[in-house]
């Protein structure tokens, strides 16, 4: 009797486990990684845009500067793992050169992460000239990835 229950449980659970496994495998399909990567980079861009508005004097929401700076740093840190082999084709703005020169791309990304760290530190200090200087330095590092590794938009 107990064996029958055990077999019944296994027979009910097996399709769920197999279905869950196939869903997990589908989650890492290249097109899903590309969509996820685009969303992360859009969030980085949105945070950069917010800081640009502050740097230009268009807004005075100084309390949000550190949140935007942290968002940039976290997004760039996430980006390190979002360009695996197999995601170089499809609906992506990344150029093939990114995969051909992976070391160069990773170095440029590390430069941006370091500048984002400096931006977070400056934002935490609160001295507006330092914040604006750190933001400009961060912005300059963006071109290190965008110019050689991203399609012109």
C-alpha atoms as a PDB file:
ATOM      1  CA  UNK A   1       0.000   0.000   0.000  1.00  0.00           C
ATOM      2  CA  UNK A   2       2.787   2.426   0.909  1.00  0.00           C
ATOM      3  CA  UNK A   3       4.625   1.640  -2.287  1.00  0.00           C
ATOM      4  CA  UNK A   4       1.515   2.509  -4.279  1.00  0.00           C
ATOM      5  CA  UNK A   5       1.301   5.900  -2.584  1.00  0.00           C
ATOM      6  CA  UNK A   6       4.981   6.537  -3.181  1.00  0.00           C
ATOM      7  CA  UNK A   7       4.597   5.630  -6.850  1.00  0.00           C
ATOM      8  CA  UNK A   8       1.519   7.811  -7.115  1.00  0.00           C
ATOM      9  CA  UNK A   9       3.419  10.750  -5.607  1.00  0.00           C
ATOM     10  CA  UNK A  10       6.364  10.211  -7.943  1.00  0.00           C
ATOM     11  CA  UNK A  11       4.092   9.895 -10.968  1.00  0.00           C
ATOM     12  CA  UNK A  12       2.375  13.157 -10.025  1.00  0.00           C
ATOM     13  CA  UNK A  13       5.594  15.019  -9.259  1.00  0.00           C
ATOM     14  CA  UNK A  14       7.628  13.870 -12.262  1.00  0.00           C
ATOM     15  CA  UNK A  15       5.698  15.936 -14.847  1.00  0.00           C
ATOM     16  CA  UNK A  16       5.934  18.972 -12.589  1.00  0.00           C
ATOM     17  CA  UNK A  17       9.677  18.530 -12.183  1.00  0.00           C
ATOM     18  CA  UNK A  18      10.237  17.947 -15.894  1.00  0.00           C
ATOM     19  CA  UNK A  19       8.012  20.905 -16.774  1.00  0.00           C
ATOM     20  CA  UNK A  20       9.876  23.092 -14.315  1.00  0.00           C
ATOM     21  CA  UNK A  21      13.202  21.989 -15.734  1.00  0.00           C
ATOM     22  CA  UNK A  22      12.159  22.810 -19.291  1.00  0.00           C
ATOM     23  CA  UNK A  23      10.899  26.207 -18.134  1.00  0.00           C
ATOM     24  CA  UNK A  24      14.206  26.858 -16.386  1.00  0.00           C
ATOM     25  CA  UNK A  25      16.128  25.912 -19.515  1.00  0.00           C
ATOM     26  CA  UNK A  26      13.917  28.143 -21.667  1.00  0.00           C
ATOM     27  CA  UNK A  27      14.591  31.042 -19.319  1.00  0.00           C
ATOM     28  CA  UNK A  28      18.175  31.223 -20.528  1.00  0.00           C
ATOM     29  CA  UNK A  29      17.358  31.278 -24.217  1.00  0.00           C
ATOM     30  CA  UNK A  30      19.487  33.915 -25.999  1.00  0.00           C
ATOM     31  CA  UNK A  31      16.498  36.125 -26.806  1.00  0.00           C
ATOM     32  CA  UNK A  32      15.516  36.217 -23.124  1.00  0.00           C
ATOM     33  CA  UNK A  33      19.050  37.106 -22.071  1.00  0.00           C
ATOM     34  CA  UNK A  34      19.111  39.877 -24.686  1.00  0.00           C
ATOM     35  CA  UNK A  35      15.792  41.283 -23.421  1.00  0.00           C
ATOM     36  CA  UNK A  36      17.035  41.170 -19.852  1.00  0.00           C
ATOM     37  CA  UNK A  37      20.325  42.835 -20.877  1.00  0.00           C
ATOM     38  CA  UNK A  38      18.427  45.600 -22.681  1.00  0.00           C
ATOM     39  CA  UNK A  39      16.316  46.265 -19.596  1.00  0.00           C
ATOM     40  CA  UNK A  40      19.390  46.470 -17.380  1.00  0.00           C
ATOM     41  CA  UNK A  41      21.096  48.881 -19.763  1.00  0.00           C
ATOM     42  CA  UNK A  42      17.918  50.976 -20.083  1.00  0.00           C
ATOM     43  CA  UNK A  43      17.869  51.285 -16.295  1.00  0.00           C
ATOM     44  CA  UNK A  44      21.513  52.418 -16.326  1.00  0.00           C
ATOM     45  CA  UNK A  45      20.618  54.955 -19.012  1.00  0.00           C
ATOM     46  CA  UNK A  46      17.605  56.209 -17.059  1.00  0.00           C
ATOM     47  CA  UNK A  47      19.750  56.742 -13.968  1.00  0.00           C
ATOM     48  CA  UNK A  48      22.381  58.535 -16.077  1.00  0.00           C
ATOM     49  CA  UNK A  49      19.637  60.723 -17.525  1.00  0.00           C
ATOM     50  CA  UNK A  50      18.423  61.650 -14.056  1.00  0.00           C
ATOM     51  CA  UNK A  51      21.934  62.598 -12.972  1.00  0.00           C
ATOM     52  CA  UNK A  52      22.418  64.598 -16.170  1.00  0.00           C
ATOM     53  CA  UNK A  53      19.295  66.610 -15.358  1.00  0.00           C
ATOM     54  CA  UNK A  54      20.745  67.372 -11.949  1.00  0.00           C
ATOM     55  CA  UNK A  55      24.198  68.217 -13.348  1.00  0.00           C
ATOM     56  CA  UNK A  56      22.612  70.624 -15.846  1.00  0.00           C
ATOM     57  CA  UNK A  57      20.608  72.305 -13.102  1.00  0.00           C
ATOM     58  CA  UNK A  58      17.265  71.180 -14.538  1.00  0.00           C
ATOM     59  CA  UNK A  59      16.198  69.626 -11.223  1.00  0.00           C
ATOM     60  CA  UNK A  60      17.208  69.964  -7.599  1.00  0.00           C
ATOM     61  CA  UNK A  61      16.351  66.501  -6.264  1.00  0.00           C
ATOM     62  CA  UNK A  62      19.731  66.141  -4.553  1.00  0.00           C
ATOM     63  CA  UNK A  63      18.347  63.490  -2.198  1.00  0.00           C
ATOM     64  CA  UNK A  64      18.046  61.090  -5.136  1.00  0.00           C
ATOM     65  CA  UNK A  65      21.598  61.430  -6.441  1.00  0.00           C
ATOM     66  CA  UNK A  66      23.020  58.577  -4.423  1.00  0.00           C
ATOM     67  CA  UNK A  67      20.119  56.312  -5.416  1.00  0.00           C
ATOM     68  CA  UNK A  68      20.755  57.030  -9.096  1.00  0.00           C
ATOM     69  CA  UNK A  69      24.502  56.538  -8.663  1.00  0.00           C
ATOM     70  CA  UNK A  70      23.971  53.203  -6.938  1.00  0.00           C
ATOM     71  CA  UNK A  71      21.547  52.158  -9.682  1.00  0.00           C
ATOM     72  CA  UNK A  72      24.207  52.827 -12.299  1.00  0.00           C
ATOM     73  CA  UNK A  73      26.871  50.923 -10.387  1.00  0.00           C
ATOM     74  CA  UNK A  74      24.570  47.947  -9.782  1.00  0.00           C
ATOM     75  CA  UNK A  75      23.422  47.863 -13.401  1.00  0.00           C
ATOM     76  CA  UNK A  76      26.965  47.974 -14.740  1.00  0.00           C
ATOM     77  CA  UNK A  77      28.010  45.275 -12.303  1.00  0.00           C
ATOM     78  CA  UNK A  78      25.113  43.119 -13.508  1.00  0.00           C
ATOM     79  CA  UNK A  79      26.122  43.743 -17.116  1.00  0.00           C
ATOM     80  CA  UNK A  80      29.379  41.864 -16.590  1.00  0.00           C
ATOM     81  CA  UNK A  81      27.558  38.538 -16.968  1.00  0.00           C
ATOM     82  CA  UNK A  82      24.984  39.529 -19.560  1.00  0.00           C
ATOM     83  CA  UNK A  83      27.011  39.028 -22.741  1.00  0.00           C
ATOM     84  CA  UNK A  84      27.515  35.242 -22.902  1.00  0.00           C
ATOM     85  CA  UNK A  85      28.343  33.407 -26.117  1.00  0.00           C
ATOM     86  CA  UNK A  86      25.175  32.801 -28.086  1.00  0.00           C
ATOM     87  CA  UNK A  87      23.714  36.276 -27.494  1.00  0.00           C
ATOM     88  CA  UNK A  88      25.641  38.023 -30.246  1.00  0.00           C
ATOM     89  CA  UNK A  89      22.819  37.653 -32.778  1.00  0.00           C
ATOM     90  CA  UNK A  90      19.163  38.531 -32.646  1.00  0.00           C
ATOM     91  CA  UNK A  91      17.578  41.779 -31.500  1.00  0.00           C
ATOM     92  CA  UNK A  92      20.711  43.205 -29.923  1.00  0.00           C
ATOM     93  CA  UNK A  93      22.545  46.494 -30.236  1.00  0.00           C
ATOM     94  CA  UNK A  94      25.845  44.866 -29.325  1.00  0.00           C
ATOM     95  CA  UNK A  95      28.323  44.621 -32.171  1.00  0.00           C
ATOM     96  CA  UNK A  96      30.135  41.354 -32.981  1.00  0.00           C
ATOM     97  CA  UNK A  97      33.370  43.080 -31.919  1.00  0.00           C
ATOM     98  CA  UNK A  98      32.254  42.711 -28.295  1.00  0.00           C
ATOM     99  CA  UNK A  99      32.668  38.931 -28.505  1.00  0.00           C
ATOM    100  CA  UNK A 100      35.741  39.173 -30.737  1.00  0.00           C
ATOM    101  CA  UNK A 101      37.488  41.474 -28.232  1.00  0.00           C
ATOM    102  CA  UNK A 102      35.956  40.237 -24.989  1.00  0.00           C
ATOM    103  CA  UNK A 103      39.007  41.307 -22.959  1.00  0.00           C
ATOM    104  CA  UNK A 104      38.788  44.869 -24.301  1.00  0.00           C
ATOM    105  CA  UNK A 105      35.085  45.021 -23.574  1.00  0.00           C
ATOM    106  CA  UNK A 106      35.543  43.704 -20.047  1.00  0.00           C
ATOM    107  CA  UNK A 107      38.319  46.241 -19.397  1.00  0.00           C
ATOM    108  CA  UNK A 108      36.116  49.098 -20.620  1.00  0.00           C
ATOM    109  CA  UNK A 109      33.241  47.853 -18.474  1.00  0.00           C
ATOM    110  CA  UNK A 110      35.535  47.647 -15.419  1.00  0.00           C
ATOM    111  CA  UNK A 111      36.554  51.283 -16.056  1.00  0.00           C
ATOM    112  CA  UNK A 112      32.886  52.277 -16.052  1.00  0.00           C
ATOM    113  CA  UNK A 113      32.226  50.319 -12.859  1.00  0.00           C
ATOM    114  CA  UNK A 114      35.193  52.045 -11.178  1.00  0.00           C
ATOM    115  CA  UNK A 115      33.857  55.433 -12.278  1.00  0.00           C
ATOM    116  CA  UNK A 116      30.398  54.458 -11.005  1.00  0.00           C
ATOM    117  CA  UNK A 117      31.973  53.536  -7.644  1.00  0.00           C
ATOM    118  CA  UNK A 118      33.614  56.972  -7.556  1.00  0.00           C
ATOM    119  CA  UNK A 119      30.232  58.518  -8.394  1.00  0.00           C
ATOM    120  CA  UNK A 120      28.599  56.697  -5.471  1.00  0.00           C
ATOM    121  CA  UNK A 121      31.359  57.938  -3.159  1.00  0.00           C
ATOM    122  CA  UNK A 122      30.996  61.508  -4.425  1.00  0.00           C
ATOM    123  CA  UNK A 123      27.212  61.362  -4.080  1.00  0.00           C
ATOM    124  CA  UNK A 124      27.600  60.170  -0.496  1.00  0.00           C
ATOM    125  CA  UNK A 125      29.882  63.111   0.266  1.00  0.00           C
ATOM    126  CA  UNK A 126      27.334  65.650  -0.883  1.00  0.00           C
ATOM    127  CA  UNK A 127      29.733  68.282  -2.290  1.00  0.00           C
ATOM    128  CA  UNK A 128      27.960  69.259  -5.506  1.00  0.00           C
ATOM    129  CA  UNK A 129      31.054  70.250  -7.515  1.00  0.00           C
ATOM    130  CA  UNK A 130      32.581  66.847  -6.685  1.00  0.00           C
ATOM    131  CA  UNK A 131      29.361  65.068  -7.622  1.00  0.00           C
ATOM    132  CA  UNK A 132      29.200  66.843 -10.976  1.00  0.00           C
ATOM    133  CA  UNK A 133      32.872  66.142 -11.675  1.00  0.00           C
ATOM    134  CA  UNK A 134      32.391  62.446 -10.847  1.00  0.00           C
ATOM    135  CA  UNK A 135      29.313  62.328 -13.077  1.00  0.00           C
ATOM    136  CA  UNK A 136      31.220  63.809 -16.011  1.00  0.00           C
ATOM    137  CA  UNK A 137      34.045  61.297 -15.494  1.00  0.00           C
ATOM    138  CA  UNK A 138      31.504  58.481 -15.410  1.00  0.00           C
ATOM    139  CA  UNK A 139      29.887  59.731 -18.606  1.00  0.00           C
ATOM    140  CA  UNK A 140      33.242  59.697 -20.395  1.00  0.00           C
ATOM    141  CA  UNK A 141      33.712  56.010 -19.578  1.00  0.00           C
ATOM    142  CA  UNK A 142      30.421  55.116 -21.250  1.00  0.00           C
ATOM    143  CA  UNK A 143      31.995  55.741 -24.639  1.00  0.00           C
ATOM    144  CA  UNK A 144      34.613  53.099 -23.842  1.00  0.00           C
ATOM    145  CA  UNK A 145      31.908  50.495 -24.375  1.00  0.00           C
ATOM    146  CA  UNK A 146      29.442  52.298 -26.614  1.00  0.00           C
ATOM    147  CA  UNK A 147      31.805  53.474 -29.344  1.00  0.00           C
ATOM    148  CA  UNK A 148      33.542  50.185 -30.169  1.00  0.00           C
ATOM    149  CA  UNK A 149      30.987  47.626 -28.975  1.00  0.00           C
ATOM    150  CA  UNK A 150      27.487  49.054 -29.558  1.00  0.00           C
ATOM    151  CA  UNK A 151      25.607  49.926 -32.723  1.00  0.00           C
ATOM    152  CA  UNK A 152      24.964  53.625 -33.235  1.00  0.00           C
ATOM    153  CA  UNK A 153      21.403  54.305 -32.161  1.00  0.00           C
END
